[in-house]
Amino acid sequence: MSLPPPNTGSTICADLISGPWPLESSPLVSHSWAALWLHAWNAFWFAPTDPLPLGLVRIATGLLLAWSSTVWLLDTSAFFGTGGWLPAENVWRMNDQPWQWSLYFPFSSESAVFWVTLITLLAAVLLTIGLATPLAAVVALVGFISASNRAPLNVFGFDDVLGMLLIGLVVGPAGAACSVDSQLWRGRGWRLSSAATLAIRLIQVHLCVIYFFSGCGKLLGATWWEGTALWGAIANLQYRTLDLMWLAGHPLVVNVLTLTTLFWEVLYPVLIWPRLTRRLVLAMAVMVHMGIGLSMGMMEFGLVMLVANMAFMPASVCRKLLCLPVKVYPAIP
């Protein structure tokens, strides 16, 4: 079932709005329930929208991958070399899957692992500025997966979310906005794109899954039900970078913060879609992840989660923040 053509006037700024449910304004409102939901499903995934949010996610993701690659370059032999922290023959013991691939397996010499890592860093830089973006996104993803599969000891939540973001950038036209490519090949404007919608939706849905199962996992812990889980993080000297021990005298505050975080995580997939609650959910994301970064020293993880949450920022809001005119070009596939 084809979608109605979008309005392509010079003052249109198409936003990704609401979830996959039919709207009263649908041109199929007089049709069957199945037709309504089919139309809503197609619109949810493929309605052409402004690629600006995807462009902003690309810039932030490229910067984070560049940072991670720079850390790898500090000692590539230790991370990926044959005499490193984890020998190649023991990698399979650390992975959840019986089979994994990595460029660092065939290219395992000291010079080879250096060049593979350097190429990943260069791809991350090109991805950030948006030059040769489709190729840069693929190379960055291949290099990132190679590093993750070769050195699973160094993989944590930051890497999981970064990989999810890179997949979205490979799928969609990540260089269609705020990029050197858009300046070189498409003038100073960009077009509405169905592929941009698909990429953003993939990031949004993956993020909802991450939050939901993370929250469900917390429900298995007694300290979360008791409202004391955050105190365990505050009192952990190995992770603590901000002294919050004064909260020991305010147990009710710890209870409220713990339970609020738990409810927010479990209900994120429901509350993020309606406009009424989206701003509150995103504001909570900023507080939670910046709190994790500042108090537990996990700033990279906090930043990558905030970048993923950027996928829920409407294009109109992004344009206002960047002082850009509300103008796009006709839709393209």
Foldseek 3Di string as FASTA:
>chain_A
DDADFDDADFQAAFWQAFAQAADCPGPCNVPDRVVRSVRSVCCQQFPFGFLVLLLLLQQLLLVLQLVVLVVCLVCVCQQQACPHPAHQVCLCVLDPDNDADAPSVVQHDPVSSNVLSVLLNVLSVCSNQLHVNLVSLVSNLRSLSRSCSRHVVPDDLLSVLSNQSSVLSNQAVNSQPNHPVCCVPPNHFGAGERSSSNSLVSLVVVLLVVLQVVLVVVVVDPCLVVLQVVVVLQPDPVFFPDNPVVCVVVSVVSSVVSNVSSVLSNCVVPQCRHPVRNVVSLVVLLVVLVCCCRTGVPVSSSSSSNSSSSSSDISVVVCVVVVHRSGHGYYDD
